Protein backbone atom coordinates (compact mmCIF):
# COMPACT_ATOMS: atom_id res chain seq x y z
CA MET A 1 16.55 100.07 -52.76
CA ALA A 2 16.73 97.79 -49.76
CA VAL A 3 13.78 95.65 -48.77
CA THR A 4 13.31 94.29 -45.27
CA PRO A 5 11.59 90.92 -45.01
CA SER A 6 8.87 90.21 -42.53
CA PRO A 7 9.82 87.97 -39.57
CA SER A 8 8.10 84.93 -41.02
CA PRO A 9 8.65 83.24 -43.35
CA GLN A 10 12.34 84.03 -43.83
CA VAL A 11 12.98 84.38 -47.58
CA PRO A 12 16.16 85.55 -49.38
CA ILE A 13 14.68 88.72 -50.87
CA ARG A 14 17.17 89.11 -53.72
CA LEU A 15 16.63 85.54 -54.83
CA LEU A 16 12.87 85.90 -54.47
CA THR A 17 12.93 89.08 -56.57
CA LEU A 18 14.74 87.32 -59.42
CA LEU A 19 12.50 84.25 -59.26
CA LEU A 20 9.28 86.25 -59.26
CA ALA A 21 10.52 88.45 -62.10
CA GLY A 22 11.41 85.36 -64.12
CA LEU A 23 8.02 83.82 -63.44
CA ALA A 24 6.28 86.99 -64.58
CA MET A 25 8.43 87.12 -67.74
CA PHE A 26 7.39 83.86 -69.37
CA GLY A 27 3.86 85.21 -69.94
CA PRO A 28 5.01 88.23 -72.00
CA PHE A 29 7.55 86.02 -73.75
CA SER A 30 4.65 83.82 -74.89
CA ILE A 31 2.97 86.79 -76.56
CA ASP A 32 5.77 88.99 -77.84
CA THR A 33 8.38 86.57 -79.19
CA ILE A 34 6.07 85.34 -81.94
CA PHE A 35 5.11 88.80 -83.28
CA PRO A 36 7.95 88.93 -85.86
CA ALA A 37 7.00 85.43 -87.05
CA PHE A 38 3.36 86.22 -87.87
CA PRO A 39 3.95 86.43 -91.66
CA ALA A 40 6.02 83.24 -91.69
CA ILE A 41 3.57 81.27 -89.55
CA GLY A 42 0.64 82.51 -91.62
CA ALA A 43 2.38 81.50 -94.86
CA ASP A 44 3.19 78.00 -93.55
CA LEU A 45 -0.25 77.34 -92.03
CA GLY A 46 -2.38 79.13 -94.62
CA ALA A 47 -3.65 81.81 -92.22
CA ASP A 48 -4.26 85.46 -93.01
CA ALA A 49 -3.49 88.37 -90.67
CA ALA A 50 -6.90 88.25 -88.97
CA ALA A 51 -6.53 84.52 -88.28
CA MET A 52 -3.01 85.02 -86.92
CA GLN A 53 -4.35 87.66 -84.53
CA GLN A 54 -6.39 84.86 -82.94
CA THR A 55 -3.18 83.21 -81.72
CA ILE A 56 -3.02 86.15 -79.30
CA SER A 57 -6.71 86.38 -78.42
CA VAL A 58 -7.04 82.58 -77.86
CA TYR A 59 -4.03 82.70 -75.56
CA LEU A 60 -5.47 85.65 -73.63
CA VAL A 61 -8.96 84.16 -73.30
CA ALA A 62 -7.48 80.93 -71.89
CA TYR A 63 -5.19 82.95 -69.63
CA ALA A 64 -8.17 84.96 -68.36
CA LEU A 65 -10.37 81.92 -67.73
CA MET A 66 -7.66 80.06 -65.82
CA SER A 67 -6.63 83.18 -63.92
CA VAL A 68 -9.67 82.78 -61.67
CA VAL A 69 -8.37 79.34 -60.67
CA HIS A 70 -4.64 79.95 -60.08
CA GLY A 71 -5.14 82.17 -57.03
CA PRO A 72 -7.63 79.98 -55.14
CA LEU A 73 -5.53 76.91 -55.91
CA SER A 74 -2.53 78.62 -54.32
CA ASP A 75 -4.66 79.70 -51.33
CA ALA A 76 -5.63 76.05 -50.78
CA LEU A 77 -2.58 74.05 -51.91
CA GLY A 78 0.29 76.48 -51.40
CA ARG A 79 2.04 78.83 -53.79
CA ARG A 80 4.97 76.54 -54.68
CA ARG A 81 2.93 73.55 -55.89
CA VAL A 82 0.78 75.67 -58.17
CA ILE A 83 3.75 77.50 -59.69
CA LEU A 84 5.64 74.27 -60.40
CA GLY A 85 2.56 72.63 -61.90
CA GLY A 86 1.89 75.62 -64.14
CA LEU A 87 5.46 75.64 -65.40
CA ALA A 88 5.31 71.93 -66.24
CA VAL A 89 2.12 72.38 -68.28
CA PHE A 90 3.65 75.38 -70.06
CA VAL A 91 6.62 73.26 -71.16
CA VAL A 92 4.27 70.68 -72.72
CA ALA A 93 2.19 73.39 -74.41
CA SER A 94 5.25 75.07 -75.91
CA ILE A 95 6.47 71.75 -77.33
CA GLY A 96 3.04 71.30 -78.90
CA CYS A 97 3.22 74.77 -80.49
CA ALA A 98 6.66 74.01 -81.94
CA LEU A 99 5.40 70.79 -83.52
CA SER A 100 2.10 72.19 -84.86
CA THR A 101 1.42 71.69 -88.56
CA SER A 102 -2.00 73.37 -88.76
CA LEU A 103 -3.57 76.54 -87.45
CA GLY A 104 -6.06 74.50 -85.40
CA ALA A 105 -3.29 72.63 -83.60
CA LEU A 106 -1.36 75.84 -82.98
CA LEU A 107 -4.44 77.54 -81.52
CA ALA A 108 -5.11 74.56 -79.26
CA PHE A 109 -1.60 74.56 -77.82
CA ARG A 110 -1.63 78.36 -77.57
CA ALA A 111 -4.75 77.98 -75.42
CA LEU A 112 -2.89 75.46 -73.24
CA GLN A 113 -0.04 77.96 -72.91
CA GLY A 114 -2.57 80.55 -71.78
CA LEU A 115 -4.07 78.17 -69.21
CA SER A 116 -0.68 77.74 -67.53
CA ALA A 117 1.17 81.02 -68.06
CA GLY A 118 -0.70 83.01 -65.43
CA VAL A 119 0.74 81.21 -62.42
CA GLY A 120 3.89 83.28 -62.38
CA LEU A 121 2.29 86.71 -62.41
CA ILE A 122 -0.88 85.98 -60.43
CA VAL A 123 0.51 83.73 -57.73
CA GLY A 124 3.71 85.79 -57.63
CA ARG A 125 1.75 88.85 -56.48
CA ALA A 126 0.34 86.83 -53.59
CA VAL A 127 3.86 85.63 -52.71
CA ILE A 128 5.03 89.24 -52.41
CA ARG A 129 2.18 90.07 -50.07
CA ASP A 130 2.80 86.86 -48.06
CA VAL A 131 6.28 87.90 -47.03
CA LEU A 132 6.18 91.71 -46.97
CA HIS A 133 3.77 94.51 -46.16
CA GLY A 134 3.43 98.26 -46.52
CA ASP A 135 6.27 100.16 -48.15
CA ASP A 136 8.45 97.03 -48.33
CA ALA A 137 5.81 95.26 -50.42
CA GLN A 138 5.62 98.25 -52.77
CA ARG A 139 9.41 98.26 -53.14
CA LEU A 140 9.59 94.55 -53.92
CA MET A 141 6.70 94.74 -56.38
CA SER A 142 8.43 97.67 -58.09
CA GLN A 143 11.72 95.75 -58.26
CA VAL A 144 9.96 92.74 -59.79
CA SER A 145 8.20 95.04 -62.26
CA MET A 146 11.50 96.67 -63.22
CA ILE A 147 13.14 93.32 -64.03
CA PHE A 148 9.98 91.92 -65.58
CA GLY A 149 9.79 94.99 -67.80
CA ILE A 150 12.76 93.72 -69.77
CA ALA A 151 10.67 90.85 -71.20
CA PRO A 152 8.40 92.71 -73.65
CA ALA A 153 11.38 94.75 -74.86
CA ILE A 154 13.68 91.85 -75.65
CA ALA A 155 11.08 89.20 -76.57
CA PRO A 156 10.27 90.46 -80.10
CA VAL A 157 13.95 91.19 -80.69
CA ILE A 158 14.78 87.59 -79.70
CA GLY A 159 11.94 86.37 -81.90
CA GLY A 160 13.26 88.34 -84.86
CA TRP A 161 16.80 87.01 -84.48
CA LEU A 162 15.60 83.43 -83.99
CA LEU A 163 13.54 83.81 -87.17
CA GLY A 164 16.70 84.91 -88.94
CA TRP A 165 18.53 81.78 -87.79
CA GLY A 166 15.79 79.25 -88.55
CA ARG A 167 12.10 78.65 -89.08
CA TRP A 168 9.37 79.90 -86.72
CA PRO A 169 9.19 76.70 -84.57
CA LEU A 170 12.59 77.71 -83.19
CA ILE A 171 10.82 80.50 -81.27
CA PHE A 172 8.67 77.98 -79.42
CA TRP A 173 11.69 75.77 -78.71
CA PHE A 174 13.24 78.83 -77.08
CA LEU A 175 10.15 79.09 -74.87
CA VAL A 176 10.56 75.40 -73.97
CA ALA A 177 14.17 75.97 -72.92
CA PHE A 178 13.35 79.13 -70.95
CA SER A 179 10.50 77.50 -69.02
CA LEU A 180 12.55 74.35 -68.32
CA VAL A 181 15.33 76.44 -66.77
CA LEU A 182 12.78 78.35 -64.70
CA LEU A 183 11.14 75.10 -63.59
CA ALA A 184 14.48 73.65 -62.46
CA VAL A 185 15.46 76.78 -60.52
CA CYS A 186 12.05 77.07 -58.85
CA TRP A 187 12.12 73.38 -57.93
CA ARG A 188 15.39 73.88 -56.08
CA ARG A 189 15.09 77.39 -54.67
CA LEU A 190 11.51 78.70 -54.56
CA PRO A 191 10.27 78.65 -50.93
CA GLU A 192 6.71 78.01 -49.82
CA THR A 193 5.37 81.31 -48.47
CA HIS A 194 1.80 80.24 -47.68
CA PRO A 195 1.93 77.85 -44.66
CA ALA A 196 -0.54 75.01 -44.25
CA GLU A 197 -2.26 76.60 -41.25
CA ALA A 198 -3.14 79.68 -43.34
CA ARG A 199 -4.69 77.76 -46.24
CA ILE A 200 -8.39 77.71 -47.04
CA SER A 201 -10.75 75.08 -48.37
CA LEU A 202 -10.97 74.57 -52.13
CA ALA A 203 -14.66 73.59 -51.93
CA PRO A 204 -16.39 74.93 -55.08
CA ALA A 205 -19.30 76.46 -53.15
CA ARG A 206 -16.93 78.36 -50.87
CA LEU A 207 -14.82 79.43 -53.82
CA LEU A 208 -17.85 80.80 -55.66
CA ARG A 209 -19.10 82.62 -52.57
CA GLY A 210 -15.67 84.19 -52.10
CA TYR A 211 -15.51 85.32 -55.71
CA ALA A 212 -19.06 86.67 -55.56
CA ALA A 213 -18.20 88.71 -52.46
CA ILE A 214 -15.07 90.15 -54.07
CA ALA A 215 -16.79 90.88 -57.38
CA ALA A 216 -19.70 92.61 -55.63
CA ASN A 217 -17.37 94.90 -53.69
CA ARG A 218 -17.71 98.30 -55.33
CA ARG A 219 -14.29 99.39 -54.20
CA PHE A 220 -12.75 96.34 -55.85
CA GLN A 221 -14.72 97.12 -59.01
CA ARG A 222 -13.39 100.67 -59.17
CA ILE A 223 -9.77 99.77 -58.49
CA ALA A 224 -9.74 96.77 -60.85
CA ALA A 225 -11.40 98.77 -63.64
CA ALA A 226 -9.00 101.69 -63.16
CA GLY A 227 -5.99 99.43 -63.56
CA ALA A 228 -7.47 97.37 -66.41
CA PHE A 229 -8.49 100.30 -68.60
CA ASN A 230 -5.26 102.18 -67.88
CA PHE A 231 -3.09 99.25 -68.98
CA SER A 232 -5.32 98.42 -71.96
CA ALA A 233 -4.45 101.81 -73.46
CA LEU A 234 -0.91 100.48 -73.82
CA PHE A 235 -1.83 96.85 -74.50
CA LEU A 236 -3.88 97.85 -77.54
CA TYR A 237 -0.65 99.07 -79.11
CA ILE A 238 1.22 95.95 -77.98
CA ALA A 239 -1.41 93.70 -79.58
CA SER A 240 -1.29 95.81 -82.75
CA THR A 241 2.50 95.75 -83.16
CA PRO A 242 2.60 93.19 -86.04
CA VAL A 243 0.58 95.63 -88.18
CA PHE A 244 1.69 98.87 -86.52
CA VAL A 245 5.43 98.19 -86.81
CA ILE A 246 5.54 96.51 -90.23
CA ASP A 247 2.67 98.11 -92.17
CA VAL A 248 2.22 101.51 -90.50
CA LEU A 249 5.78 102.40 -89.48
CA ARG A 250 7.19 100.42 -92.45
CA LEU A 251 9.89 98.64 -90.45
CA ASN A 252 11.01 95.02 -90.81
CA GLU A 253 10.80 91.94 -88.60
CA ARG A 254 14.06 92.76 -86.82
CA GLN A 255 13.06 96.32 -85.95
CA PHE A 256 10.34 95.67 -83.36
CA GLY A 257 12.74 97.15 -80.82
CA TRP A 258 11.82 100.60 -82.15
CA PHE A 259 8.46 100.17 -80.43
CA PHE A 260 9.26 97.94 -77.47
CA ILE A 261 12.54 99.41 -76.20
CA PRO A 262 11.20 102.94 -75.55
CA MET A 263 8.01 101.51 -74.06
CA ILE A 264 9.82 99.19 -71.67
CA THR A 265 12.41 101.84 -70.80
CA GLY A 266 9.54 103.99 -69.58
CA MET A 267 8.07 101.09 -67.63
CA MET A 268 11.35 100.26 -65.94
CA LEU A 269 11.98 103.90 -65.04
CA GLY A 270 8.47 104.11 -63.61
CA ALA A 271 9.02 100.97 -61.54
CA TRP A 272 12.31 102.38 -60.23
CA VAL A 273 10.66 105.68 -59.28
CA SER A 274 7.79 103.80 -57.60
CA GLY A 275 10.24 101.84 -55.47
CA ARG A 276 12.16 104.97 -54.50
CA ALA A 277 8.92 106.81 -53.68
CA ALA A 278 7.64 104.12 -51.29
CA GLY A 279 7.32 105.66 -47.84
CA ARG A 280 8.01 109.15 -49.20
CA ILE A 281 4.96 109.81 -51.39
CA SER A 282 1.51 108.52 -50.49
CA GLY A 283 -0.04 105.85 -52.70
CA PRO A 284 -2.92 107.99 -54.03
CA ARG A 285 -0.61 110.88 -54.84
CA LEU A 286 1.80 108.62 -56.71
CA ALA A 287 -1.09 107.11 -58.66
CA ASN A 288 -2.30 110.62 -59.52
CA ILE A 289 1.14 111.45 -60.89
CA GLY A 290 1.08 108.23 -62.94
CA PHE A 291 -2.32 108.97 -64.44
CA ALA A 292 -1.18 112.52 -65.23
CA CYS A 293 1.84 111.17 -67.12
CA SER A 294 -0.35 108.80 -69.11
CA GLY A 295 -2.78 111.61 -69.87
CA VAL A 296 -0.02 113.85 -71.26
CA ALA A 297 1.22 110.90 -73.34
CA MET A 298 -2.22 110.31 -74.83
CA VAL A 299 -2.67 113.99 -75.73
CA ALA A 300 0.76 114.04 -77.39
CA ASN A 301 0.02 110.82 -79.27
CA LEU A 302 -3.34 112.10 -80.49
CA GLY A 303 -1.87 115.42 -81.57
CA TYR A 304 0.94 113.78 -83.51
CA ASN A 305 -1.34 111.36 -85.34
CA LEU A 306 -3.79 114.11 -86.25
CA LEU A 307 -1.01 116.30 -87.65
CA VAL A 308 0.83 113.75 -89.82
CA ASP A 309 -0.34 111.45 -92.60
CA GLN A 310 2.50 108.94 -92.22
CA PRO A 311 3.66 108.19 -88.64
CA ALA A 312 7.37 107.52 -88.30
CA VAL A 313 9.93 106.73 -85.63
CA PRO A 314 10.85 108.11 -83.19
CA TRP A 315 7.86 110.44 -82.77
CA ALA A 316 5.26 107.70 -83.24
CA VAL A 317 6.65 105.68 -80.31
CA LEU A 318 7.86 108.27 -77.81
CA PRO A 319 4.40 108.87 -76.28
CA MET A 320 4.27 105.18 -75.39
CA MET A 321 7.40 105.66 -73.30
CA LEU A 322 5.70 108.29 -71.14
CA ASN A 323 2.50 106.26 -71.01
CA SER A 324 4.30 103.15 -69.78
CA PHE A 325 6.15 105.28 -67.20
CA GLY A 326 2.80 106.42 -65.81
CA ILE A 327 1.36 102.90 -65.80
CA ALA A 328 4.37 101.64 -63.81
CA LEU A 329 3.68 104.27 -61.14
CA VAL A 330 0.02 103.30 -60.87
CA PHE A 331 0.30 99.50 -60.99
CA PRO A 332 1.85 98.72 -57.56
CA ILE A 333 -0.54 101.08 -55.77
CA LEU A 334 -3.70 99.54 -57.25
CA THR A 335 -2.47 95.95 -56.90
CA LEU A 336 -1.49 96.30 -53.25
CA ALA A 337 -4.78 98.05 -52.51
CA VAL A 338 -6.67 95.01 -53.83
CA LEU A 339 -4.48 92.50 -51.96
CA ASP A 340 -4.80 94.43 -48.70
CA MET A 341 -8.58 94.25 -48.91
CA TYR A 342 -8.49 90.44 -48.61
CA PRO A 343 -5.61 89.32 -46.34
CA ARG A 344 -6.87 85.69 -46.18
CA GLN A 345 -7.81 85.48 -49.87
CA ARG A 346 -4.88 87.18 -51.56
CA GLY A 347 -4.68 84.53 -54.25
CA SER A 348 -8.37 84.88 -55.08
CA ALA A 349 -8.21 88.68 -55.06
CA SER A 350 -5.14 88.64 -57.33
CA SER A 351 -6.87 86.17 -59.65
CA LEU A 352 -10.03 88.22 -60.00
CA GLN A 353 -8.11 91.45 -60.55
CA ALA A 354 -6.06 89.72 -63.25
CA PHE A 355 -9.23 88.28 -64.79
CA VAL A 356 -10.75 91.73 -65.21
CA GLY A 357 -7.64 93.02 -66.94
CA LEU A 358 -7.21 89.95 -69.10
CA VAL A 359 -10.78 89.95 -70.39
CA LEU A 360 -10.36 93.57 -71.43
CA ASN A 361 -6.99 92.77 -73.02
CA ALA A 362 -8.55 89.87 -74.93
CA VAL A 363 -11.23 92.19 -76.30
CA ALA A 364 -8.56 94.73 -77.24
CA ALA A 365 -6.45 92.09 -79.01
CA GLY A 366 -9.17 90.00 -80.64
CA VAL A 367 -11.83 92.58 -81.48
CA LEU A 368 -10.47 96.12 -81.47
CA SER A 369 -6.90 95.63 -82.66
CA PRO A 370 -7.82 94.07 -86.05
CA LEU A 371 -10.18 97.01 -86.66
CA VAL A 372 -7.94 99.91 -85.67
CA SER A 373 -4.32 98.71 -86.05
CA PRO A 374 -4.08 99.64 -89.78
CA HIS A 375 -5.39 103.15 -89.02
CA PRO A 376 -3.00 105.17 -86.80
CA ARG A 377 -5.55 107.84 -85.87
CA ALA A 378 -8.22 105.31 -84.91
CA LEU A 379 -5.62 103.41 -82.89
CA ALA A 380 -4.59 106.59 -81.03
CA ILE A 381 -8.20 107.61 -80.33
CA THR A 382 -9.16 104.16 -79.01
CA SER A 383 -6.07 104.01 -76.81
CA ALA A 384 -6.82 107.46 -75.38
CA GLY A 385 -10.39 106.37 -74.66
CA PHE A 386 -9.14 103.42 -72.60
CA MET A 387 -6.82 105.65 -70.59
CA LEU A 388 -9.61 108.18 -69.94
CA LEU A 389 -11.92 105.46 -68.64
CA GLY A 390 -9.20 104.20 -66.28
CA TRP A 391 -8.67 107.70 -64.92
CA LEU A 392 -12.42 108.21 -64.42
CA PHE A 393 -12.67 105.02 -62.34
CA TRP A 394 -9.68 106.18 -60.29
CA ARG A 395 -11.29 109.57 -59.71
CA ALA A 396 -14.44 107.79 -58.56
CA GLU A 397 -12.35 105.81 -56.08
CA LEU A 398 -10.71 108.96 -54.72
CA ALA A 399 -14.10 110.62 -54.42
CA ARG A 400 -15.11 107.90 -51.95
CA GLY A 401 -12.31 109.04 -49.63
CA ALA A 402 -10.48 105.69 -49.77
CA PRO A 403 -7.46 105.33 -47.43
CA PRO A 404 -3.98 105.32 -48.95
CA SER A 405 -2.52 102.04 -50.07
CA GLY A 406 0.69 101.01 -48.42
CA SER A 407 2.45 101.54 -45.14
CA ALA A 408 -0.36 102.37 -42.74
CA ARG A 409 -2.98 99.97 -43.96
CA GLU A 410 -1.66 96.56 -42.99
CA ALA A 411 -2.87 96.80 -39.42
CA ALA A 412 -6.46 97.43 -40.43
CA PRO A 413 -7.27 96.23 -43.96
CA MET A 414 -10.69 97.06 -45.33
CA ALA A 415 -13.20 94.33 -44.62
CA PRO A 416 -13.92 92.11 -47.62
CA THR A 417 -17.65 92.63 -47.25
CA ASP A 418 -17.47 96.44 -47.36
CA PRO A 419 -19.59 97.33 -50.43
CA LEU A 420 -17.95 100.71 -50.88
């Protein structure tokens, strides 16, 4: 799966792949490692299950709000500075979480984690598009996704084992150590991919005008909504895992792998297929295949939950494997399509796309998950509804006759002001 770098800047692609994957991982680690510790944290801090769910929604709301800032900051100051600054703040926030003695303090530091965690994923997407284009960009994004996909699978398993060795603060000390290692490696090896001559002003008025132009672009709206709703079908289950795994599937704190390992296996396989398909299958066709896979998964999941009274492994989790496979096929196509629309504002475009998805994820985690997670059929129906909405937005995009994302589009990206 070789990737050829663009002439400038020269970046060691293998090293860059590992760094970007690591940067993208510390966000999922922040969410998933604490899932097994929910009962223990709640018991220590006097918080019920609904209150503990807010440790996820507060994190996601902060992540979403700051996501609109990370990209423009990197467009104006450079990618490297913003990534290093975000990592430093995340270290401080994780220390605060580990030392928290009340739910209020924990929520405050979780919000600070959310404010900083987005730099890796959001700015990392812009880094990929800085150094590569066309099929090479799709391959690198798929490689990063494949490595990054390990994080949600191993994070709750790590959290469960750490909980077995000590009290719940040990999980946050693990996050401190992980982010410190990442900060040190990035300080020494992460190159600057956005040169000074390509940077834009950080003036608030210009920033707001740029965001308004992107947000008003109907093509951006369709693509961002398609990706956000499609992923939220899976994220609703991810946010519901503390209840779904322990109360519904009747597993224990060390058995979260029953849900996450099949899901992430599907995601990694999808990322591998996406990388192999670059240059061989057009972007729209690959996305169609991905949506078809997710659709079959949702039908199978609905059918199973309607037929049984007590869901059980492995049948309750296998549809998520196919769904995540489909999502991994769709994700690089939609992301590169957005970045190619705004070649001088890739950070801003990446930020706004992330913001759309994160707001929807926050609603799924903070509002919908507490309502449907104890009820397997309601959870399956809501998840299927999200996936259907994502597919409908994608069909609307195809109906406009949009050009394929990928190899042929770098020479003539769609103008940012195009309302269609």
